[in-house]
Amino acid sequence: LDVAVRGDGWLVVQTPTGEAYTRVGNLQVASDGRVTTMGG
């Protein structure tokens, strides 16, 4: 579940205010099956 973006680019995460972008690629699977960042 670890991914690293090659070169330029971003992963997209959902926040209460809309989409945000991150390079943090140590993903995980939550208890409900959703793919999330380590920050949830």
PDB file of all heavy atoms in Angstrom:
ATOM      1  N   LEU A   1       0.806  -1.219   0.000  1.00  0.00           N
ATOM      2  CA  LEU A   1       0.000   0.000   0.000  1.00  0.00           C
ATOM      3  C   LEU A   1       0.841   1.272   0.000  1.00  0.00           C
ATOM      4  O   LEU A   1       0.300   2.364   0.119  1.00  0.00           O
ATOM      5  CB  LEU A   1      -0.954   0.016   1.201  1.00  0.00           C
ATOM      6  CG  LEU A   1      -2.186  -0.882   1.090  1.00  0.00           C
ATOM      7  CD1 LEU A   1      -2.966  -0.904   2.397  1.00  0.00           C
ATOM      8  CD2 LEU A   1      -3.092  -0.409  -0.043  1.00  0.00           C
ATOM      9  N   ASP A   2       2.144   1.130  -0.136  1.00  0.00           N
ATOM     10  CA  ASP A   2       3.008   2.308  -0.221  1.00  0.00           C
ATOM     11  C   ASP A   2       3.168   2.716  -1.679  1.00  0.00           C
ATOM     12  O   ASP A   2       3.441   1.877  -2.541  1.00  0.00           O
ATOM     13  CB  ASP A   2       4.380   2.015   0.382  1.00  0.00           C
ATOM     14  CG  ASP A   2       4.349   1.984   1.898  1.00  0.00           C
ATOM     15  OD1 ASP A   2       3.343   2.420   2.476  1.00  0.00           O
ATOM     16  OD2 ASP A   2       5.343   1.508   2.498  1.00  0.00           O
ATOM     17  N   VAL A   3       3.012   4.010  -1.950  1.00  0.00           N
ATOM     18  CA  VAL A   3       3.216   4.524  -3.306  1.00  0.00           C
ATOM     19  C   VAL A   3       3.999   5.831  -3.222  1.00  0.00           C
ATOM     20  O   VAL A   3       3.849   6.608  -2.285  1.00  0.00           O
ATOM     21  CB  VAL A   3       1.877   4.772  -4.048  1.00  0.00           C
ATOM     22  CG1 VAL A   3       1.166   3.472  -4.331  1.00  0.00           C
ATOM     23  CG2 VAL A   3       0.981   5.726  -3.270  1.00  0.00           C
ATOM     24  N   ALA A   4       4.837   6.047  -4.221  1.00  0.00           N
ATOM     25  CA  ALA A   4       5.586   7.292  -4.338  1.00  0.00           C
ATOM     26  C   ALA A   4       5.319   7.877  -5.712  1.00  0.00           C
ATOM     27  O   ALA A   4       5.447   7.179  -6.727  1.00  0.00           O
ATOM     28  CB  ALA A   4       7.081   7.043  -4.151  1.00  0.00           C
ATOM     29  N   VAL A   5       4.907   9.125  -5.752  1.00  0.00           N
ATOM     30  CA  VAL A   5       4.643   9.782  -7.032  1.00  0.00           C
ATOM     31  C   VAL A   5       5.967  10.018  -7.741  1.00  0.00           C
ATOM     32  O   VAL A   5       6.919  10.551  -7.163  1.00  0.00           O
ATOM     33  CB  VAL A   5       3.897  11.112  -6.813  1.00  0.00           C
ATOM     34  CG1 VAL A   5       3.657  11.805  -8.156  1.00  0.00           C
ATOM     35  CG2 VAL A   5       2.570  10.868  -6.103  1.00  0.00           C
ATOM     36  N   ARG A   6       6.024   9.609  -9.011  1.00  0.00           N
ATOM     37  CA  ARG A   6       7.246   9.805  -9.803  1.00  0.00           C
ATOM     38  C   ARG A   6       7.258  11.224 -10.369  1.00  0.00           C
ATOM     39  O   ARG A   6       6.313  11.634 -11.045  1.00  0.00           O
ATOM     40  CB  ARG A   6       7.303   8.803 -10.959  1.00  0.00           C
ATOM     41  CG  ARG A   6       7.352   7.340 -10.536  1.00  0.00           C
ATOM     42  CD  ARG A   6       7.388   6.462 -11.773  1.00  0.00           C
ATOM     43  NE  ARG A   6       7.343   5.043 -11.453  1.00  0.00           N
ATOM     44  CZ  ARG A   6       8.408   4.285 -11.222  1.00  0.00           C
ATOM     45  NH1 ARG A   6       9.608   4.830 -11.271  1.00  0.00           N
ATOM     46  NH2 ARG A   6       8.277   3.000 -10.948  1.00  0.00           N
ATOM     47  N   GLY A   7       8.310  11.958 -10.097  1.00  0.00           N
ATOM     48  CA  GLY A   7       8.415  13.305 -10.645  1.00  0.00           C
ATOM     49  C   GLY A   7       7.364  14.236 -10.072  1.00  0.00           C
ATOM     50  O   GLY A   7       7.017  14.174  -8.889  1.00  0.00           O
ATOM     51  N   ASP A   8       6.828  15.101 -10.927  1.00  0.00           N
ATOM     52  CA  ASP A   8       5.817  16.058 -10.490  1.00  0.00           C
ATOM     53  C   ASP A   8       4.449  15.389 -10.405  1.00  0.00           C
ATOM     54  O   ASP A   8       4.126  14.502 -11.192  1.00  0.00           O
ATOM     55  CB  ASP A   8       5.744  17.244 -11.459  1.00  0.00           C
ATOM     56  CG  ASP A   8       7.047  18.032 -11.511  1.00  0.00           C
ATOM     57  OD1 ASP A   8       7.760  18.037 -10.490  1.00  0.00           O
ATOM     58  OD2 ASP A   8       7.343  18.625 -12.560  1.00  0.00           O
ATOM     59  N   GLY A   9       3.637  15.847  -9.476  1.00  0.00           N
ATOM     60  CA  GLY A   9       2.286  15.309  -9.337  1.00  0.00           C
ATOM     61  C   GLY A   9       1.900  15.152  -7.876  1.00  0.00           C
ATOM     62  O   GLY A   9       2.739  15.293  -6.971  1.00  0.00           O
ATOM     63  N   TRP A  10       0.635  14.847  -7.660  1.00  0.00           N
ATOM     64  CA  TRP A  10       0.098  14.760  -6.296  1.00  0.00           C
ATOM     65  C   TRP A  10      -0.968  13.674  -6.207  1.00  0.00           C
ATOM     66  O   TRP A  10      -1.679  13.401  -7.174  1.00  0.00           O
ATOM     67  CB  TRP A  10      -0.549  16.095  -5.889  1.00  0.00           C
ATOM     68  CG  TRP A  10       0.367  17.266  -5.955  1.00  0.00           C
ATOM     69  CD1 TRP A  10       0.634  18.026  -7.063  1.00  0.00           C
ATOM     70  CD2 TRP A  10       1.142  17.818  -4.897  1.00  0.00           C
ATOM     71  NE1 TRP A  10       1.526  19.015  -6.753  1.00  0.00           N
ATOM     72  CE2 TRP A  10       1.855  18.918  -5.435  1.00  0.00           C
ATOM     73  CE3 TRP A  10       1.299  17.511  -3.554  1.00  0.00           C
ATOM     74  CZ2 TRP A  10       2.713  19.701  -4.669  1.00  0.00           C
ATOM     75  CZ3 TRP A  10       2.152  18.279  -2.780  1.00  0.00           C
ATOM     76  CH2 TRP A  10       2.848  19.358  -3.344  1.00  0.00           C
ATOM     77  N   LEU A  11      -1.066  13.079  -5.023  1.00  0.00           N
ATOM     78  CA  LEU A  11      -2.228  12.277  -4.667  1.00  0.00           C
ATOM     79  C   LEU A  11      -3.323  13.217  -4.179  1.00  0.00           C
ATOM     80  O   LEU A  11      -3.044  14.305  -3.672  1.00  0.00           O
ATOM     81  CB  LEU A  11      -1.877  11.287  -3.564  1.00  0.00           C
ATOM     82  CG  LEU A  11      -0.810  10.222  -3.889  1.00  0.00           C
ATOM     83  CD1 LEU A  11      -0.384   9.515  -2.603  1.00  0.00           C
ATOM     84  CD2 LEU A  11      -1.337   9.233  -4.897  1.00  0.00           C
ATOM     85  N   VAL A  12      -4.566  12.801  -4.303  1.00  0.00           N
ATOM     86  CA  VAL A  12      -5.698  13.627  -3.891  1.00  0.00           C
ATOM     87  C   VAL A  12      -6.389  12.975  -2.704  1.00  0.00           C
ATOM     88  O   VAL A  12      -6.668  11.770  -2.716  1.00  0.00           O
ATOM     89  CB  VAL A  12      -6.708  13.809  -5.047  1.00  0.00           C
ATOM     90  CG1 VAL A  12      -7.843  14.736  -4.629  1.00  0.00           C
ATOM     91  CG2 VAL A  12      -6.005  14.363  -6.286  1.00  0.00           C
ATOM     92  N   VAL A  13      -6.643  13.759  -1.669  1.00  0.00           N
ATOM     93  CA  VAL A  13      -7.371  13.282  -0.499  1.00  0.00           C
ATOM     94  C   VAL A  13      -8.595  14.170  -0.276  1.00  0.00           C
ATOM     95  O   VAL A  13      -8.646  15.315  -0.729  1.00  0.00           O
ATOM     96  CB  VAL A  13      -6.480  13.275   0.760  1.00  0.00           C
ATOM     97  CG1 VAL A  13      -5.337  12.289   0.597  1.00  0.00           C
ATOM     98  CG2 VAL A  13      -5.953  14.664   1.066  1.00  0.00           C
ATOM     99  N   GLN A  14      -9.562  13.615   0.417  1.00  0.00           N
ATOM    100  CA  GLN A  14     -10.797  14.354   0.708  1.00  0.00           C
ATOM    101  C   GLN A  14     -10.736  14.940   2.109  1.00  0.00           C
ATOM    102  O   GLN A  14     -10.375  14.257   3.069  1.00  0.00           O
ATOM    103  CB  GLN A  14     -12.013  13.424   0.593  1.00  0.00           C
ATOM    104  CG  GLN A  14     -13.353  14.132   0.664  1.00  0.00           C
ATOM    105  CD  GLN A  14     -13.588  15.043  -0.524  1.00  0.00           C
ATOM    106  OE1 GLN A  14     -13.253  14.694  -1.656  1.00  0.00           O
ATOM    107  NE2 GLN A  14     -14.142  16.216  -0.272  1.00  0.00           N
ATOM    108  N   THR A  15     -11.069  16.215   2.221  1.00  0.00           N
ATOM    109  CA  THR A  15     -11.119  16.905   3.511  1.00  0.00           C
ATOM    110  C   THR A  15     -12.501  17.514   3.691  1.00  0.00           C
ATOM    111  O   THR A  15     -13.280  17.581   2.730  1.00  0.00           O
ATOM    112  CB  THR A  15     -10.045  18.008   3.590  1.00  0.00           C
ATOM    113  OG1 THR A  15     -10.415  19.080   2.708  1.00  0.00           O
ATOM    114  CG2 THR A  15      -8.675  17.477   3.188  1.00  0.00           C
ATOM    115  N   PRO A  16     -12.842  17.973   4.887  1.00  0.00           N
ATOM    116  CA  PRO A  16     -14.153  18.602   5.088  1.00  0.00           C
ATOM    117  C   PRO A  16     -14.390  19.811   4.203  1.00  0.00           C
ATOM    118  O   PRO A  16     -15.547  20.173   3.944  1.00  0.00           O
ATOM    119  CB  PRO A  16     -14.114  18.995   6.571  1.00  0.00           C
ATOM    120  CG  PRO A  16     -13.165  18.031   7.193  1.00  0.00           C
ATOM    121  CD  PRO A  16     -12.111  17.785   6.164  1.00  0.00           C
ATOM    122  N   THR A  17     -13.331  20.451   3.718  1.00  0.00           N
ATOM    123  CA  THR A  17     -13.483  21.646   2.881  1.00  0.00           C
ATOM    124  C   THR A  17     -13.304  21.349   1.398  1.00  0.00           C
ATOM    125  O   THR A  17     -13.290  22.267   0.584  1.00  0.00           O
ATOM    126  CB  THR A  17     -12.474  22.723   3.307  1.00  0.00           C
ATOM    127  OG1 THR A  17     -11.130  22.196   3.199  1.00  0.00           O
ATOM    128  CG2 THR A  17     -12.734  23.161   4.738  1.00  0.00           C
ATOM    129  N   GLY A  18     -13.145  20.074   1.030  1.00  0.00           N
ATOM    130  CA  GLY A  18     -12.970  19.724  -0.371  1.00  0.00           C
ATOM    131  C   GLY A  18     -11.688  18.938  -0.598  1.00  0.00           C
ATOM    132  O   GLY A  18     -11.079  18.403   0.335  1.00  0.00           O
ATOM    133  N   GLU A  19     -11.273  18.856  -1.844  1.00  0.00           N
ATOM    134  CA  GLU A  19     -10.083  18.091  -2.196  1.00  0.00           C
ATOM    135  C   GLU A  19      -8.810  18.823  -1.784  1.00  0.00           C
ATOM    136  O   GLU A  19      -8.744  20.046  -1.818  1.00  0.00           O
ATOM    137  CB  GLU A  19     -10.048  17.807  -3.700  1.00  0.00           C
ATOM    138  CG  GLU A  19     -11.114  16.829  -4.165  1.00  0.00           C
ATOM    139  CD  GLU A  19     -10.950  16.466  -5.626  1.00  0.00           C
ATOM    140  OE1 GLU A  19     -10.099  17.093  -6.302  1.00  0.00           O
ATOM    141  OE2 GLU A  19     -11.666  15.562  -6.105  1.00  0.00           O
ATOM    142  N   ALA A  20      -7.816  18.043  -1.400  1.00  0.00           N
ATOM    143  CA  ALA A  20      -6.492  18.576  -1.072  1.00  0.00           C
ATOM    144  C   ALA A  20      -5.465  17.622  -1.661  1.00  0.00           C
ATOM    145  O   ALA A  20      -5.780  16.486  -2.036  1.00  0.00           O
ATOM    146  CB  ALA A  20      -6.314  18.717   0.432  1.00  0.00           C
ATOM    147  N   TYR A  21      -4.209  18.099  -1.726  1.00  0.00           N
ATOM    148  CA  TYR A  21      -3.171  17.354  -2.429  1.00  0.00           C
ATOM    149  C   TYR A  21      -2.003  17.058  -1.493  1.00  0.00           C
ATOM    150  O   TYR A  21      -1.627  17.892  -0.662  1.00  0.00           O
ATOM    151  CB  TYR A  21      -2.700  18.145  -3.649  1.00  0.00           C
ATOM    152  CG  TYR A  21      -3.871  18.677  -4.458  1.00  0.00           C
ATOM    153  CD1 TYR A  21      -4.112  20.048  -4.559  1.00  0.00           C
ATOM    154  CD2 TYR A  21      -4.762  17.799  -5.065  1.00  0.00           C
ATOM    155  CE1 TYR A  21      -5.203  20.521  -5.264  1.00  0.00           C
ATOM    156  CE2 TYR A  21      -5.853  18.266  -5.777  1.00  0.00           C
ATOM    157  CZ  TYR A  21      -6.078  19.630  -5.871  1.00  0.00           C
ATOM    158  OH  TYR A  21      -7.168  20.082  -6.551  1.00  0.00           O
ATOM    159  N   THR A  22      -1.445  15.869  -1.650  1.00  0.00           N
ATOM    160  CA  THR A  22      -0.372  15.436  -0.770  1.00  0.00           C
ATOM    161  C   THR A  22       0.581  14.524  -1.531  1.00  0.00           C
ATOM    162  O   THR A  22       0.211  13.941  -2.557  1.00  0.00           O
ATOM    163  CB  THR A  22      -0.933  14.694   0.459  1.00  0.00           C
ATOM    164  OG1 THR A  22       0.142  14.313   1.324  1.00  0.00           O
ATOM    165  CG2 THR A  22      -1.683  13.449   0.041  1.00  0.00           C
ATOM    166  N   ARG A  23       1.801  14.396  -1.017  1.00  0.00           N
ATOM    167  CA  ARG A  23       2.774  13.444  -1.550  1.00  0.00           C
ATOM    168  C   ARG A  23       2.981  12.285  -0.577  1.00  0.00           C
ATOM    169  O   ARG A  23       3.810  11.424  -0.809  1.00  0.00           O
ATOM    170  CB  ARG A  23       4.116  14.149  -1.785  1.00  0.00           C
ATOM    171  CG  ARG A  23       4.076  15.308  -2.754  1.00  0.00           C
ATOM    172  CD  ARG A  23       4.208  14.896  -4.181  1.00  0.00           C
ATOM    173  NE  ARG A  23       5.488  14.257  -4.478  1.00  0.00           N
ATOM    174  CZ  ARG A  23       5.961  14.116  -5.711  1.00  0.00           C
ATOM    175  NH1 ARG A  23       5.250  14.527  -6.750  1.00  0.00           N
ATOM    176  NH2 ARG A  23       7.125  13.529  -5.922  1.00  0.00           N
ATOM    177  N   VAL A  24       2.225  12.272   0.505  1.00  0.00           N
ATOM    178  CA  VAL A  24       2.346  11.213   1.504  1.00  0.00           C
ATOM    179  C   VAL A  24       1.706   9.946   0.951  1.00  0.00           C
ATOM    180  O   VAL A  24       0.493   9.888   0.756  1.00  0.00           O
ATOM    181  CB  VAL A  24       1.682  11.621   2.829  1.00  0.00           C
ATOM    182  CG1 VAL A  24       1.819  10.505   3.857  1.00  0.00           C
ATOM    183  CG2 VAL A  24       2.294  12.908   3.357  1.00  0.00           C
ATOM    184  N   GLY A  25       2.516   8.929   0.697  1.00  0.00           N
ATOM    185  CA  GLY A  25       2.009   7.744   0.028  1.00  0.00           C
ATOM    186  C   GLY A  25       1.927   6.493   0.872  1.00  0.00           C
ATOM    187  O   GLY A  25       1.687   5.409   0.330  1.00  0.00           O
ATOM    188  N   ASN A  26       2.120   6.572   2.185  1.00  0.00           N
ATOM    189  CA  ASN A  26       1.974   5.383   3.032  1.00  0.00           C
ATOM    190  C   ASN A  26       0.497   5.194   3.371  1.00  0.00           C
ATOM    191  O   ASN A  26       0.018   5.590   4.428  1.00  0.00           O
ATOM    192  CB  ASN A  26       2.847   5.481   4.291  1.00  0.00           C
ATOM    193  CG  ASN A  26       2.671   6.788   5.033  1.00  0.00           C
ATOM    194  OD1 ASN A  26       2.108   7.748   4.514  1.00  0.00           O
ATOM    195  ND2 ASN A  26       3.147   6.835   6.271  1.00  0.00           N
ATOM    196  N   LEU A  27      -0.222   4.575   2.431  1.00  0.00           N
ATOM    197  CA  LEU A  27      -1.667   4.422   2.541  1.00  0.00           C
ATOM    198  C   LEU A  27      -2.011   3.240   3.446  1.00  0.00           C
ATOM    199  O   LEU A  27      -1.172   2.407   3.777  1.00  0.00           O
ATOM    200  CB  LEU A  27      -2.278   4.225   1.150  1.00  0.00           C
ATOM    201  CG  LEU A  27      -1.877   5.255   0.085  1.00  0.00           C
ATOM    202  CD1 LEU A  27      -2.562   4.946  -1.235  1.00  0.00           C
ATOM    203  CD2 LEU A  27      -2.183   6.666   0.543  1.00  0.00           C
ATOM    204  N   GLN A  28      -3.288   3.194   3.832  1.00  0.00           N
ATOM    205  CA  GLN A  28      -3.776   2.098   4.663  1.00  0.00           C
ATOM    206  C   GLN A  28      -5.242   1.839   4.318  1.00  0.00           C
ATOM    207  O   GLN A  28      -5.892   2.651   3.654  1.00  0.00           O
ATOM    208  CB  GLN A  28      -3.642   2.434   6.150  1.00  0.00           C
ATOM    209  CG  GLN A  28      -4.496   3.607   6.596  1.00  0.00           C
ATOM    210  CD  GLN A  28      -4.374   3.871   8.085  1.00  0.00           C
ATOM    211  OE1 GLN A  28      -3.708   3.153   8.801  1.00  0.00           O
ATOM    212  NE2 GLN A  28      -5.042   4.921   8.564  1.00  0.00           N
ATOM    213  N   VAL A  29      -5.743   0.713   4.799  1.00  0.00           N
ATOM    214  CA  VAL A  29      -7.158   0.367   4.610  1.00  0.00           C
ATOM    215  C   VAL A  29      -7.861   0.502   5.950  1.00  0.00           C
ATOM    216  O   VAL A  29      -7.474  -0.149   6.930  1.00  0.00           O
ATOM    217  CB  VAL A  29      -7.319  -1.064   4.056  1.00  0.00           C
ATOM    218  CG1 VAL A  29      -8.796  -1.409   3.896  1.00  0.00           C
ATOM    219  CG2 VAL A  29      -6.599  -1.207   2.722  1.00  0.00           C
ATOM    220  N   ALA A  30      -8.865   1.363   5.997  1.00  0.00           N
ATOM    221  CA  ALA A  30      -9.609   1.584   7.235  1.00  0.00           C
ATOM    222  C   ALA A  30     -10.495   0.378   7.542  1.00  0.00           C
ATOM    223  O   ALA A  30     -10.646  -0.538   6.731  1.00  0.00           O
ATOM    224  CB  ALA A  30     -10.449   2.851   7.114  1.00  0.00           C
ATOM    225  N   SER A  31     -11.106   0.395   8.720  1.00  0.00           N
ATOM    226  CA  SER A  31     -11.946  -0.731   9.143  1.00  0.00           C
ATOM    227  C   SER A  31     -13.136  -0.944   8.226  1.00  0.00           C
ATOM    228  O   SER A  31     -13.644  -2.063   8.098  1.00  0.00           O
ATOM    229  CB  SER A  31     -12.433  -0.490  10.584  1.00  0.00           C
ATOM    230  OG  SER A  31     -13.146   0.743  10.666  1.00  0.00           O
ATOM    231  N   ASP A  32     -13.588   0.123   7.553  1.00  0.00           N
ATOM    232  CA  ASP A  32     -14.714  -0.018   6.626  1.00  0.00           C
ATOM    233  C   ASP A  32     -14.265  -0.297   5.192  1.00  0.00           C
ATOM    234  O   ASP A  32     -15.086  -0.291   4.274  1.00  0.00           O
ATOM    235  CB  ASP A  32     -15.584   1.248   6.654  1.00  0.00           C
ATOM    236  CG  ASP A  32     -14.804   2.511   6.323  1.00  0.00           C
ATOM    237  OD1 ASP A  32     -13.587   2.403   6.047  1.00  0.00           O
ATOM    238  OD2 ASP A  32     -15.399   3.610   6.334  1.00  0.00           O
ATOM    239  N   GLY A  33     -12.961  -0.532   4.999  1.00  0.00           N
ATOM    240  CA  GLY A  33     -12.468  -0.874   3.677  1.00  0.00           C
ATOM    241  C   GLY A  33     -11.989   0.305   2.849  1.00  0.00           C
ATOM    242  O   GLY A  33     -11.414   0.116   1.775  1.00  0.00           O
ATOM    243  N   ARG A  34     -12.205   1.527   3.320  1.00  0.00           N
ATOM    244  CA  ARG A  34     -11.786   2.689   2.549  1.00  0.00           C
ATOM    245  C   ARG A  34     -10.272   2.845   2.575  1.00  0.00           C
ATOM    246  O   ARG A  34      -9.632   2.593   3.586  1.00  0.00           O
ATOM    247  CB  ARG A  34     -12.433   3.965   3.104  1.00  0.00           C
ATOM    248  CG  ARG A  34     -13.930   4.070   2.915  1.00  0.00           C
ATOM    249  CD  ARG A  34     -14.423   5.430   3.407  1.00  0.00           C
ATOM    250  NE  ARG A  34     -14.067   5.645   4.806  1.00  0.00           N
ATOM    251  CZ  ARG A  34     -14.095   6.840   5.406  1.00  0.00           C
ATOM    252  NH1 ARG A  34     -14.450   7.916   4.719  1.00  0.00           N
ATOM    253  NH2 ARG A  34     -13.765   6.955   6.679  1.00  0.00           N
ATOM    254  N   VAL A  35      -9.730   3.276   1.444  1.00  0.00           N
ATOM    255  CA  VAL A  35      -8.300   3.565   1.369  1.00  0.00           C
ATOM    256  C   VAL A  35      -8.077   4.971   1.899  1.00  0.00           C
ATOM    257  O   VAL A  35      -8.678   5.940   1.423  1.00  0.00           O
ATOM    258  CB  VAL A  35      -7.784   3.460  -0.075  1.00  0.00           C
ATOM    259  CG1 VAL A  35      -6.298   3.786  -0.143  1.00  0.00           C
ATOM    260  CG2 VAL A  35      -8.048   2.070  -0.635  1.00  0.00           C
ATOM    261  N   THR A  36      -7.230   5.097   2.904  1.00  0.00           N
ATOM    262  CA  THR A  36      -6.974   6.389   3.531  1.00  0.00           C
ATOM    263  C   THR A  36      -5.471   6.599   3.688  1.00  0.00           C
ATOM    264  O   THR A  36      -4.674   5.680   3.499  1.00  0.00           O
ATOM    265  CB  THR A  36      -7.643   6.486   4.915  1.00  0.00           C
ATOM    266  OG1 THR A  36      -6.984   5.581   5.821  1.00  0.00           O
ATOM    267  CG2 THR A  36      -9.123   6.135   4.838  1.00  0.00           C
ATOM    268  N   THR A  37      -5.103   7.811   4.033  1.00  0.00           N
ATOM    269  CA  THR A  37      -3.732   8.081   4.430  1.00  0.00           C
ATOM    270  C   THR A  37      -3.550   7.623   5.870  1.00  0.00           C
ATOM    271  O   THR A  37      -4.513   7.273   6.559  1.00  0.00           O
ATOM    272  CB  THR A  37      -3.412   9.578   4.325  1.00  0.00           C
ATOM    273  OG1 THR A  37      -4.259  10.309   5.255  1.00  0.00           O
ATOM    274  CG2 THR A  37      -3.671  10.102   2.925  1.00  0.00           C
ATOM    275  N   MET A  38      -2.300   7.653   6.347  1.00  0.00           N
ATOM    276  CA  MET A  38      -2.053   7.276   7.731  1.00  0.00           C
ATOM    277  C   MET A  38      -2.730   8.244   8.693  1.00  0.00           C
ATOM    278  O   MET A  38      -2.970   7.918   9.844  1.00  0.00           O
ATOM    279  CB  MET A  38      -0.540   7.238   8.002  1.00  0.00           C
ATOM    280  CG  MET A  38       0.141   6.003   7.445  1.00  0.00           C
ATOM    281  SD  MET A  38      -0.469   4.499   8.212  1.00  0.00           S
ATOM    282  CE  MET A  38       0.519   3.257   7.376  1.00  0.00           C
ATOM    283  N   GLY A  39      -3.034   9.447   8.201  1.00  0.00           N
ATOM    284  CA  GLY A  39      -3.760  10.414   9.023  1.00  0.00           C
ATOM    285  C   GLY A  39      -5.256  10.219   9.005  1.00  0.00           C
ATOM    286  O   GLY A  39      -5.997  10.986   9.641  1.00  0.00           O
ATOM    287  N   GLY A  40      -5.738   9.208   8.267  1.00  0.00           N
ATOM    288  CA  GLY A  40      -7.163   8.903   8.242  1.00  0.00           C
ATOM    289  C   GLY A  40      -7.960   9.663   7.202  1.00  0.00           C
ATOM    290  O   GLY A  40      -9.197   9.575   7.193  1.00  0.00           O
TER     291      GLY A  40
END
